[in-house]
PDB file of N, CA and C in Angstrom:
ATOM      1  N   MET A   1      14.879 107.182 108.604  1.00  0.00           N
ATOM      2  CA  MET A   1      16.331 107.819 109.473  1.00  0.00           C
ATOM      3  C   MET A   1      16.436 106.134 110.394  1.00  0.00           C
ATOM      4  N   GLY A   2      17.798 105.942 110.550  1.00  0.00           N
ATOM      5  CA  GLY A   2      18.179 104.924 111.365  1.00  0.00           C
ATOM      6  C   GLY A   2      19.253 104.101 110.450  1.00  0.00           C
ATOM      7  N   GLY A   3      18.561 103.628 109.219  1.00  0.00           N
ATOM      8  CA  GLY A   3      19.017 102.526 107.895  1.00  0.00           C
ATOM      9  C   GLY A   3      19.810 103.432 107.361  1.00  0.00           C
ATOM     10  N   ILE A   4      20.950 102.434 106.999  1.00  0.00           N
ATOM     11  CA  ILE A   4      21.681 103.069 105.624  1.00  0.00           C
ATOM     12  C   ILE A   4      20.895 102.637 104.212  1.00  0.00           C
ATOM     13  N   SER A   5      20.337 103.369 103.440  1.00  0.00           N
ATOM     14  CA  SER A   5      19.964 103.133 101.999  1.00  0.00           C
ATOM     15  C   SER A   5      20.634 102.633 101.334  1.00  0.00           C
ATOM     16  N   ILE A   6      20.247 101.915  99.864  1.00  0.00           N
ATOM     17  CA  ILE A   6      21.009 101.466  98.798  1.00  0.00           C
ATOM     18  C   ILE A   6      21.933 102.785  98.515  1.00  0.00           C
ATOM     19  N   TRP A   7      20.883 103.944  98.044  1.00  0.00           N
ATOM     20  CA  TRP A   7      21.543 105.053  97.726  1.00  0.00           C
ATOM     21  C   TRP A   7      22.798 105.563  98.621  1.00  0.00           C
ATOM     22  N   GLN A   8      22.897 105.383  99.686  1.00  0.00           N
ATOM     23  CA  GLN A   8      24.270 105.905 100.609  1.00  0.00           C
ATOM     24  C   GLN A   8      25.177 105.102 100.030  1.00  0.00           C
ATOM     25  N   LEU A   9      24.868 103.724  99.807  1.00  0.00           N
ATOM     26  CA  LEU A   9      25.989 102.744  99.966  1.00  0.00           C
ATOM     27  C   LEU A   9      26.721 102.694  98.143  1.00  0.00           C
ATOM     28  N   LEU A  10      25.686 103.345  97.319  1.00  0.00           N
ATOM     29  CA  LEU A  10      26.309 103.693  96.179  1.00  0.00           C
ATOM     30  C   LEU A  10      27.256 104.653  96.144  1.00  0.00           C
ATOM     31  N   ILE A  11      26.970 106.133  96.860  1.00  0.00           N
ATOM     32  CA  ILE A  11      27.754 107.081  96.969  1.00  0.00           C
ATOM     33  C   ILE A  11      28.941 106.911  97.602  1.00  0.00           C
ATOM     34  N   VAL A  12      28.874 106.099  98.517  1.00  0.00           N
ATOM     35  CA  VAL A  12      29.932 105.632  99.424  1.00  0.00           C
ATOM     36  C   VAL A  12      31.007 104.541  98.203  1.00  0.00           C
ATOM     37  N   PHE A  13      30.444 103.895  97.474  1.00  0.00           N
ATOM     38  CA  PHE A  13      31.195 102.929  96.788  1.00  0.00           C
ATOM     39  C   PHE A  13      31.751 103.685  95.248  1.00  0.00           C
ATOM     40  N   GLY A  14      30.931 104.727  95.462  1.00  0.00           N
ATOM     41  CA  GLY A  14      31.462 105.709  94.145  1.00  0.00           C
ATOM     42  C   GLY A  14      32.842 106.384  94.573  1.00  0.00           C
ATOM     43  N   ILE A  15      32.584 106.861  95.723  1.00  0.00           N
ATOM     44  CA  ILE A  15      33.969 107.820  96.126  1.00  0.00           C
ATOM     45  C   ILE A  15      35.100 106.710  96.374  1.00  0.00           C
ATOM     46  N   VAL A  16      34.792 105.597  97.058  1.00  0.00           N
ATOM     47  CA  VAL A  16      35.742 104.510  97.166  1.00  0.00           C
ATOM     48  C   VAL A  16      36.694 104.221  96.209  1.00  0.00           C
ATOM     49  N   ILE A  17      36.001 104.187  95.045  1.00  0.00           N
ATOM     50  CA  ILE A  17      36.282 104.048  93.417  1.00  0.00           C
ATOM     51  C   ILE A  17      37.211 104.896  93.004  1.00  0.00           C
ATOM     52  N   LEU A  18      36.842 106.210  93.646  1.00  0.00           N
ATOM     53  CA  LEU A  18      37.372 107.469  92.803  1.00  0.00           C
ATOM     54  C   LEU A  18      38.756 107.604  93.670  1.00  0.00           C
ATOM     55  N   VAL A  19      38.660 107.328  94.807  1.00  0.00           N
ATOM     56  CA  VAL A  19      39.604 107.414  95.790  1.00  0.00           C
ATOM     57  C   VAL A  19      41.137 106.303  95.516  1.00  0.00           C
ATOM     58  N   PHE A  20      40.745 105.272  95.414  1.00  0.00           N
ATOM     59  CA  PHE A  20      41.505 104.025  95.450  1.00  0.00           C
ATOM     60  C   PHE A  20      41.521 104.020  94.152  1.00  0.00           C
ATOM     61  N   GLY A  21      40.803 103.646  92.998  1.00  0.00           N
ATOM     62  CA  GLY A  21      41.055 103.340  91.301  1.00  0.00           C
ATOM     63  C   GLY A  21      40.567 101.979  91.612  1.00  0.00           C
ATOM     64  N   THR A  22      40.001 101.004  90.299  1.00  0.00           N
ATOM     65  CA  THR A  22      39.779  99.846  90.093  1.00  0.00           C
ATOM     66  C   THR A  22      41.108  98.968  90.459  1.00  0.00           C
ATOM     67  N   LYS A  23      42.276  99.435  89.846  1.00  0.00           N
ATOM     68  CA  LYS A  23      43.355  98.351  89.718  1.00  0.00           C
ATOM     69  C   LYS A  23      43.570  97.896  91.580  1.00  0.00           C
ATOM     70  N   LYS A  24      43.444  99.369  92.448  1.00  0.00           N
ATOM     71  CA  LYS A  24      44.150  99.159  93.681  1.00  0.00           C
ATOM     72  C   LYS A  24      43.055  97.977  94.266  1.00  0.00           C
ATOM     73  N   LEU A  25      41.645  98.489  94.063  1.00  0.00           N
ATOM     74  CA  LEU A  25      40.879  97.660  94.496  1.00  0.00           C
ATOM     75  C   LEU A  25      40.898  96.330  94.002  1.00  0.00           C
ATOM     76  N   ARG A  26      41.007  96.034  93.166  1.00  0.00           N
ATOM     77  CA  ARG A  26      41.058  95.048  92.410  1.00  0.00           C
ATOM     78  C   ARG A  26      42.421  93.693  93.297  1.00  0.00           C
ATOM     79  N   ASN A  27      43.609  94.593  93.551  1.00  0.00           N
ATOM     80  CA  ASN A  27      44.611  93.864  94.079  1.00  0.00           C
ATOM     81  C   ASN A  27      44.268  93.539  95.323  1.00  0.00           C
ATOM     82  N   MET A  28      43.632  94.442  96.071  1.00  0.00           N
ATOM     83  CA  MET A  28      43.231  94.323  97.416  1.00  0.00           C
ATOM     84  C   MET A  28      42.142  93.271  97.970  1.00  0.00           C
ATOM     85  N   GLY A  29      41.202  92.854  96.815  1.00  0.00           N
ATOM     86  CA  GLY A  29      40.130  92.006  96.638  1.00  0.00           C
ATOM     87  C   GLY A  29      41.144  90.693  96.770  1.00  0.00           C
ATOM     88  N   GLY A  30      42.102  90.474  96.004  1.00  0.00           N
ATOM     89  CA  GLY A  30      42.846  89.394  95.329  1.00  0.00           C
ATOM     90  C   GLY A  30      43.660  88.869  96.754  1.00  0.00           C
ATOM     91  N   ASP A  31      43.918  90.276  97.483  1.00  0.00           N
ATOM     92  CA  ASP A  31      44.968  89.905  98.889  1.00  0.00           C
ATOM     93  C   ASP A  31      43.852  89.426 100.177  1.00  0.00           C
ATOM     94  N   VAL A  32      42.773  90.069  99.823  1.00  0.00           N
ATOM     95  CA  VAL A  32      41.560  89.490 100.966  1.00  0.00           C
ATOM     96  C   VAL A  32      41.262  88.068 100.885  1.00  0.00           C
ATOM     97  N   GLY A  33      40.722  87.803  99.635  1.00  0.00           N
ATOM     98  CA  GLY A  33      40.976  86.463  98.976  1.00  0.00           C
ATOM     99  C   GLY A  33      41.870  85.011  99.411  1.00  0.00           C
ATOM    100  N   SER A  34      43.055  85.858  99.302  1.00  0.00           N
ATOM    101  CA  SER A  34      44.298  84.698  99.306  1.00  0.00           C
ATOM    102  C   SER A  34      44.049  84.562 100.731  1.00  0.00           C
ATOM    103  N   ALA A  35      44.352  85.772 101.474  1.00  0.00           N
ATOM    104  CA  ALA A  35      44.445  85.747 103.013  1.00  0.00           C
ATOM    105  C   ALA A  35      43.415  84.586 103.630  1.00  0.00           C
ATOM    106  N   ILE A  36      42.214  84.730 103.128  1.00  0.00           N
ATOM    107  CA  ILE A  36      41.003  84.131 103.745  1.00  0.00           C
ATOM    108  C   ILE A  36      41.209  82.523 103.064  1.00  0.00           C
ATOM    109  N   ARG A  37      41.647  82.076 102.161  1.00  0.00           N
ATOM    110  CA  ARG A  37      41.907  80.936 101.576  1.00  0.00           C
ATOM    111  C   ARG A  37      43.052  79.885 102.437  1.00  0.00           C
ATOM    112  N   ASN A  38      44.379  81.195 102.454  1.00  0.00           N
ATOM    113  CA  ASN A  38      45.197  80.286 103.405  1.00  0.00           C
ATOM    114  C   ASN A  38      45.066  80.133 104.823  1.00  0.00           C
ATOM    115  N   PHE A  39      44.019  80.962 105.269  1.00  0.00           N
ATOM    116  CA  PHE A  39      43.495  80.576 106.415  1.00  0.00           C
ATOM    117  C   PHE A  39      42.542  79.268 106.644  1.00  0.00           C
ATOM    118  N   LYS A  40      41.749  79.475 105.740  1.00  0.00           N
ATOM    119  CA  LYS A  40      41.029  77.991 105.965  1.00  0.00           C
ATOM    120  C   LYS A  40      41.568  76.795 105.509  1.00  0.00           C
ATOM    121  N   GLN A  41      43.034  76.949 105.041  1.00  0.00           N
ATOM    122  CA  GLN A  41      43.727  75.834 104.352  1.00  0.00           C
ATOM    123  C   GLN A  41      44.758  75.729 105.753  1.00  0.00           C
ATOM    124  N   ALA A  42      45.233  76.625 106.453  1.00  0.00           N
ATOM    125  CA  ALA A  42      45.733  76.543 108.009  1.00  0.00           C
ATOM    126  C   ALA A  42      44.770  75.375 108.792  1.00  0.00           C
ATOM    127  N   MET A  43      43.459  76.196 108.842  1.00  0.00           N
ATOM    128  CA  MET A  43      42.407  75.419 109.984  1.00  0.00           C
ATOM    129  C   MET A  43      42.328  73.762 109.630  1.00  0.00           C
ATOM    130  N   ASN A  44      42.188  73.378 108.118  1.00  0.00           N
ATOM    131  CA  ASN A  44      41.828  72.042 107.766  1.00  0.00           C
ATOM    132  C   ASN A  44      43.301  71.404 108.241  1.00  0.00           C
ATOM    133  N   ASP A  45      44.606  71.722 107.865  1.00  0.00           N
ATOM    134  CA  ASP A  45      45.786  71.276 108.326  1.00  0.00           C
ATOM    135  C   ASP A  45      45.940  70.916 110.042  1.00  0.00           C
ATOM    136  N   GLY A  46      45.359  72.075 110.364  1.00  0.00           N
ATOM    137  CA  GLY A  46      45.351  71.678 112.058  1.00  0.00           C
ATOM    138  C   GLY A  46      44.707  70.644 112.310  1.00  0.00           C
ATOM    139  N   ASP A  47      43.442  70.746 111.737  1.00  0.00           N
ATOM    140  CA  ASP A  47      42.429  69.451 112.129  1.00  0.00           C
ATOM    141  C   ASP A  47      43.037  67.999 112.024  1.00  0.00           C
ATOM    142  N   SER A  48      43.713  68.118 110.814  1.00  0.00           N
ATOM    143  CA  SER A  48      44.221  66.889 110.427  1.00  0.00           C
ATOM    144  C   SER A  48      45.583  66.606 110.981  1.00  0.00           C
ATOM    145  N   GLU A  49      46.099  67.393 111.586  1.00  0.00           N
ATOM    146  CA  GLU A  49      47.096  67.304 112.444  1.00  0.00           C
ATOM    147  C   GLU A  49      47.032  66.635 113.804  1.00  0.00           C
ATOM    148  N   LYS A  50      45.591  67.360 114.468  1.00  0.00           N
ATOM    149  CA  LYS A  50      44.947  67.145 115.254  1.00  0.00           C
ATOM    150  C   LYS A  50      44.688  65.559 115.688  1.00  0.00           C
ATOM    151  N   GLY A  51      43.743  65.373 114.597  1.00  0.00           N
ATOM    152  CA  GLY A  51      43.425  63.688 114.558  1.00  0.00           C
ATOM    153  C   GLY A  51      44.651  62.408 114.237  1.00  0.00           C
ATOM    154  N   LYS A  52      45.982  62.962 113.332  1.00  0.00           N
ATOM    155  CA  LYS A  52      47.157  62.160 113.840  1.00  0.00           C
ATOM    156  C   LYS A  52      47.608  62.211 115.095  1.00  0.00           C
ATOM    157  N   ASP A  53      47.944  62.984 115.952  1.00  0.00           N
ATOM    158  CA  ASP A  53      48.432  63.220 117.004  1.00  0.00           C
ATOM    159  C   ASP A  53      47.054  62.167 118.171  1.00  0.00           C
ATOM    160  N   GLU A  54      45.992  62.222 118.036  1.00  0.00           N
ATOM    161  CA  GLU A  54      44.978  61.819 118.825  1.00  0.00           C
ATOM    162  C   GLU A  54      45.348  60.175 118.427  1.00  0.00           C
ATOM    163  N   SER A  55      45.477  59.683 116.985  1.00  0.00           N
ATOM    164  CA  SER A  55      45.510  58.058 116.786  1.00  0.00           C
ATOM    165  C   SER A  55      47.185  57.957 117.067  1.00  0.00           C
ATOM    166  N   GLU A  56      47.921  58.567 117.471  1.00  0.00           N
ATOM    167  CA  GLU A  56      49.483  57.969 117.770  1.00  0.00           C
ATOM    168  C   GLU A  56      49.400  57.848 119.288  1.00  0.00           C
ATOM    169  N   ASP A  57      48.367  58.455 120.247  1.00  0.00           N
ATOM    170  CA  ASP A  57      48.029  58.063 121.182  1.00  0.00           C
ATOM    171  C   ASP A  57      47.752  57.000 121.805  1.00  0.00           C
ATOM    172  N   GLU A  58      47.129  56.383 120.491  1.00  0.00           N
ATOM    173  CA  GLU A  58      46.510  55.385 120.733  1.00  0.00           C
ATOM    174  C   GLU A  58      47.366  53.969 120.724  1.00  0.00           C
ATOM    175  N   PRO A  59      47.198  53.165 121.562  1.00  0.00           N
ATOM    176  CA  PRO A  59      48.294  51.622 121.394  1.00  0.00           C
ATOM    177  C   PRO A  59      48.020  51.173 119.898  1.00  0.00           C
ATOM    178  N   GLN A  60      49.154  50.368 119.267  1.00  0.00           N
ATOM    179  CA  GLN A  60      48.727  49.908 117.946  1.00  0.00           C
ATOM    180  C   GLN A  60      49.295  48.649 118.599  1.00  0.00           C
ATOM    181  N   GLY A  61      48.340  47.430 118.271  1.00  0.00           N
ATOM    182  CA  GLY A  61      48.730  46.175 118.226  1.00  0.00           C
ATOM    183  C   GLY A  61      48.705  46.133 119.731  1.00  0.00           C
ATOM    184  N   GLY A  62      48.172  46.785 120.763  1.00  0.00           N
ATOM    185  CA  GLY A  62      47.680  46.477 122.153  1.00  0.00           C
ATOM    186  C   GLY A  62      48.999  46.597 122.724  1.00  0.00           C
ATOM    187  N   ARG A  63      49.905  47.656 122.291  1.00  0.00           N
ATOM    188  CA  ARG A  63      51.161  47.911 123.015  1.00  0.00           C
ATOM    189  C   ARG A  63      51.117  49.224 122.826  1.00  0.00           C
ATOM    190  N   THR A  64      51.884  50.026 124.186  1.00  0.00           N
ATOM    191  CA  THR A  64      52.555  51.848 123.897  1.00  0.00           C
ATOM    192  C   THR A  64      53.424  51.575 123.888  1.00  0.00           C
ATOM    193  N   LEU A  65      53.602  52.838 123.388  1.00  0.00           N
ATOM    194  CA  LEU A  65      54.773  53.492 122.864  1.00  0.00           C
ATOM    195  C   LEU A  65      56.055  53.159 123.542  1.00  0.00           C
ATOM    196  N   GLU A  66      55.995  52.907 124.569  1.00  0.00           N
ATOM    197  CA  GLU A  66      57.193  52.851 125.361  1.00  0.00           C
ATOM    198  C   GLU A  66      57.473  51.079 125.284  1.00  0.00           C
ATOM    199  N   GLN A  67      56.404  50.543 125.305  1.00  0.00           N
ATOM    200  CA  GLN A  67      56.631  49.199 125.118  1.00  0.00           C
ATOM    201  C   GLN A  67      57.129  48.738 123.814  1.00  0.00           C
ATOM    202  N   ARG A  68      57.000  49.268 122.759  1.00  0.00           N
ATOM    203  CA  ARG A  68      57.311  49.373 121.372  1.00  0.00           C
ATOM    204  C   ARG A  68      58.865  49.831 121.176  1.00  0.00           C
ATOM    205  N   GLU A  69      59.142  50.824 121.883  1.00  0.00           N
ATOM    206  CA  GLU A  69      60.532  51.367 122.156  1.00  0.00           C
ATOM    207  C   GLU A  69      61.539  50.550 122.866  1.00  0.00           C
ATOM    208  N   SER A  70      60.899  50.025 123.583  1.00  0.00           N
ATOM    209  CA  SER A  70      61.779  48.719 124.886  1.00  0.00           C
ATOM    210  C   SER A  70      62.351  47.831 124.231  1.00  0.00           C
ATOM    211  N   GLU A  71      61.287  47.046 123.155  1.00  0.00           N
ATOM    212  CA  GLU A  71      61.735  46.215 122.578  1.00  0.00           C
ATOM    213  C   GLU A  71      62.726  46.050 121.427  1.00  0.00           C
ATOM    214  N   GLU A  72      63.244  45.095 121.447  1.00  0.00           N
ATOM    215  CA  GLU A  72      64.826  45.001 120.426  1.00  0.00           C
ATOM    216  C   GLU A  72      64.274  44.277 119.489  1.00  0.00           C
ATOM    217  N   THR A  73      64.830  44.897 118.372  1.00  0.00           N
ATOM    218  CA  THR A  73      64.947  44.372 116.863  1.00  0.00           C
ATOM    219  C   THR A  73      65.675  42.779 116.945  1.00  0.00           C
ATOM    220  N   PRO A  74      65.757  41.417 116.199  1.00  0.00           N
ATOM    221  CA  PRO A  74      66.629  40.774 116.325  1.00  0.00           C
ATOM    222  C   PRO A  74      67.915  41.216 115.897  1.00  0.00           C
ATOM    223  N   GLU A  75      67.739  42.212 115.161  1.00  0.00           N
ATOM    224  CA  GLU A  75      69.270  42.921 114.476  1.00  0.00           C
ATOM    225  C   GLU A  75      69.907  43.398 115.747  1.00  0.00           C
ATOM    226  N   ALA A  76      69.101  44.161 116.684  1.00  0.00           N
ATOM    227  CA  ALA A  76      69.945  44.805 117.755  1.00  0.00           C
ATOM    228  C   ALA A  76      70.458  43.617 118.729  1.00  0.00           C
ATOM    229  N   GLU A  77      69.473  42.981 118.807  1.00  0.00           N
ATOM    230  CA  GLU A  77      69.992  41.908 119.533  1.00  0.00           C
ATOM    231  C   GLU A  77      71.320  41.273 119.160  1.00  0.00           C
ATOM    232  N   LYS A  78      71.353  40.887 117.952  1.00  0.00           N
ATOM    233  CA  LYS A  78      72.695  40.295 117.804  1.00  0.00           C
ATOM    234  C   LYS A  78      73.640  41.534 117.924  1.00  0.00           C
ATOM    235  N   ARG A  79      73.796  42.594 117.185  1.00  0.00           N
ATOM    236  CA  ARG A  79      74.668  43.387 117.517  1.00  0.00           C
ATOM    237  C   ARG A  79      74.952  43.526 119.385  1.00  0.00           C
ATOM    238  N   ARG A  80      74.228  43.691 119.746  1.00  0.00           N
ATOM    239  CA  ARG A  80      74.464  43.622 121.388  1.00  0.00           C
ATOM    240  C   ARG A  80      75.038  42.477 121.961  1.00  0.00           C
ATOM    241  N   ASP A  81      75.092  41.398 121.290  1.00  0.00           N
ATOM    242  CA  ASP A  81      75.379  40.279 121.776  1.00  0.00           C
ATOM    243  C   ASP A  81      76.882  39.878 121.464  1.00  0.00           C
ATOM    244  N   ARG A  82      77.187  40.428 119.968  1.00  0.00           N
ATOM    245  CA  ARG A  82      78.407  40.764 119.218  1.00  0.00           C
ATOM    246  C   ARG A  82      79.641  41.691 120.034  1.00  0.00           C
ATOM    247  N   ASP A  83      78.970  42.631 120.269  1.00  0.00           N
ATOM    248  CA  ASP A  83      79.539  43.675 121.123  1.00  0.00           C
ATOM    249  C   ASP A  83      79.962  43.096 122.600  1.00  0.00           C
ATOM    250  N   HIS A  84      78.998  42.395 122.995  1.00  0.00           N
ATOM    251  CA  HIS A  84      79.225  42.023 124.534  1.00  0.00           C
ATOM    252  C   HIS A  84      80.461  40.740 124.456  1.00  0.00           C
ATOM    253  N   GLU A  85      80.320  39.942 123.639  1.00  0.00           N
ATOM    254  CA  GLU A  85      81.348  38.913 123.235  1.00  0.00           C
ATOM    255  C   GLU A  85      82.942  39.724 123.052  1.00  0.00           C
ATOM    256  N   HIS A  86      82.959  40.885 122.396  1.00  0.00           N
ATOM    257  CA  HIS A  86      84.207  41.518 122.149  1.00  0.00           C
ATOM    258  C   HIS A  86      84.901  41.964 123.393  1.00  0.00           C
ATOM    259  N   SER A  87      84.203  42.248 124.220  1.00  0.00           N
ATOM    260  CA  SER A  87      84.577  43.236 125.231  1.00  0.00           C
ATOM    261  C   SER A  87      85.231  42.332 126.230  1.00  0.00           C
TER     262      SER A  87
END
Protein backbone atom coordinates (compact mmCIF):
# COMPACT_ATOMS: atom_id res chain seq x y z
CA MET A 1 0.00 0.00 0.00
CA GLY A 2 1.04 3.52 -0.67
CA GLY A 3 3.46 3.08 -3.55
CA ILE A 4 3.20 2.41 -7.26
CA SER A 5 4.68 -0.93 -8.22
CA ILE A 6 6.44 -1.73 -11.48
CA TRP A 7 3.48 -3.83 -12.58
CA GLN A 8 1.08 -0.91 -12.20
CA LEU A 9 3.39 1.28 -14.26
CA LEU A 10 3.61 -1.37 -16.99
CA ILE A 11 -0.18 -1.69 -17.14
CA VAL A 12 -0.60 2.10 -17.42
CA PHE A 13 2.12 2.23 -20.08
CA GLY A 14 0.39 -0.56 -22.06
CA ILE A 15 -2.95 1.26 -21.91
CA VAL A 16 -1.32 4.50 -23.08
CA ILE A 17 0.23 2.67 -26.05
CA LEU A 18 -3.14 1.14 -26.93
CA VAL A 19 -4.95 4.48 -26.71
CA PHE A 20 -2.47 6.73 -28.50
CA GLY A 21 -0.46 4.31 -30.64
CA THR A 22 3.29 4.22 -31.08
CA LYS A 23 3.36 6.76 -33.92
CA LYS A 24 1.52 9.39 -31.89
CA LEU A 25 3.75 8.74 -28.86
CA ARG A 26 6.87 9.05 -31.01
CA ASN A 27 5.66 12.41 -32.36
CA MET A 28 4.81 13.63 -28.87
CA GLY A 29 8.26 12.59 -27.64
CA GLY A 30 9.92 14.45 -30.49
CA ASP A 31 7.86 17.57 -29.75
CA VAL A 32 8.77 17.47 -26.08
CA GLY A 33 12.44 16.96 -26.94
CA SER A 34 12.52 19.90 -29.36
CA ALA A 35 10.69 22.09 -26.84
CA ILE A 36 13.30 21.30 -24.18
CA ARG A 37 16.14 21.92 -26.66
CA ASN A 38 14.65 25.29 -27.70
CA PHE A 39 14.17 26.26 -24.07
CA LYS A 40 17.80 25.49 -23.22
CA GLN A 41 18.97 27.42 -26.29
CA ALA A 42 16.85 30.42 -25.29
CA MET A 43 18.27 30.30 -21.78
CA ASN A 44 21.83 30.23 -23.14
CA ASP A 45 21.06 33.10 -25.53
CA GLY A 46 19.66 35.12 -22.64
CA ASP A 47 22.80 34.51 -20.61
CA SER A 48 25.08 35.58 -23.47
CA GLU A 49 23.00 38.74 -24.11
CA LYS A 50 23.13 39.55 -20.40
CA GLY A 51 26.91 39.30 -20.52
CA LYS A 52 27.03 41.61 -23.53
CA ASP A 53 24.81 44.18 -21.82
CA GLU A 54 27.03 44.21 -18.73
CA SER A 55 30.17 44.67 -20.80
CA GLU A 56 28.59 47.57 -22.71
CA ASP A 57 27.94 49.41 -19.45
CA GLU A 58 31.63 49.42 -18.57
CA PRO A 59 33.60 52.35 -20.00
CA GLN A 60 35.96 51.44 -22.80
CA GLY A 61 39.30 53.17 -22.78
CA GLY A 62 38.36 55.09 -19.65
CA ARG A 63 35.49 56.90 -21.42
CA THR A 64 31.78 56.55 -20.87
CA LEU A 65 29.29 56.11 -23.70
CA GLU A 66 28.24 59.76 -23.38
CA GLN A 67 31.83 60.92 -23.70
CA ARG A 68 32.41 58.80 -26.78
CA GLU A 69 29.20 60.05 -28.42
CA SER A 70 30.00 63.70 -27.66
CA GLU A 71 33.44 63.51 -29.27
CA GLU A 72 33.48 64.44 -32.93
CA THR A 73 35.47 62.62 -35.54
CA PRO A 74 37.84 64.65 -37.74
CA GLU A 75 35.48 64.17 -40.71
CA ALA A 76 32.55 65.55 -38.71
CA GLU A 77 34.60 68.58 -37.65
CA LYS A 78 35.60 69.28 -41.27
CA ARG A 79 31.97 69.02 -42.40
CA ARG A 80 30.83 71.30 -39.58
CA ASP A 81 33.52 73.88 -40.42
CA ARG A 82 32.73 73.71 -44.14
CA ASP A 83 29.00 74.13 -43.52
CA HIS A 84 29.69 77.01 -41.15
CA GLU A 85 31.82 78.77 -43.79
CA HIS A 86 29.01 78.54 -46.38
CA SER A 87 26.45 80.04 -44.03
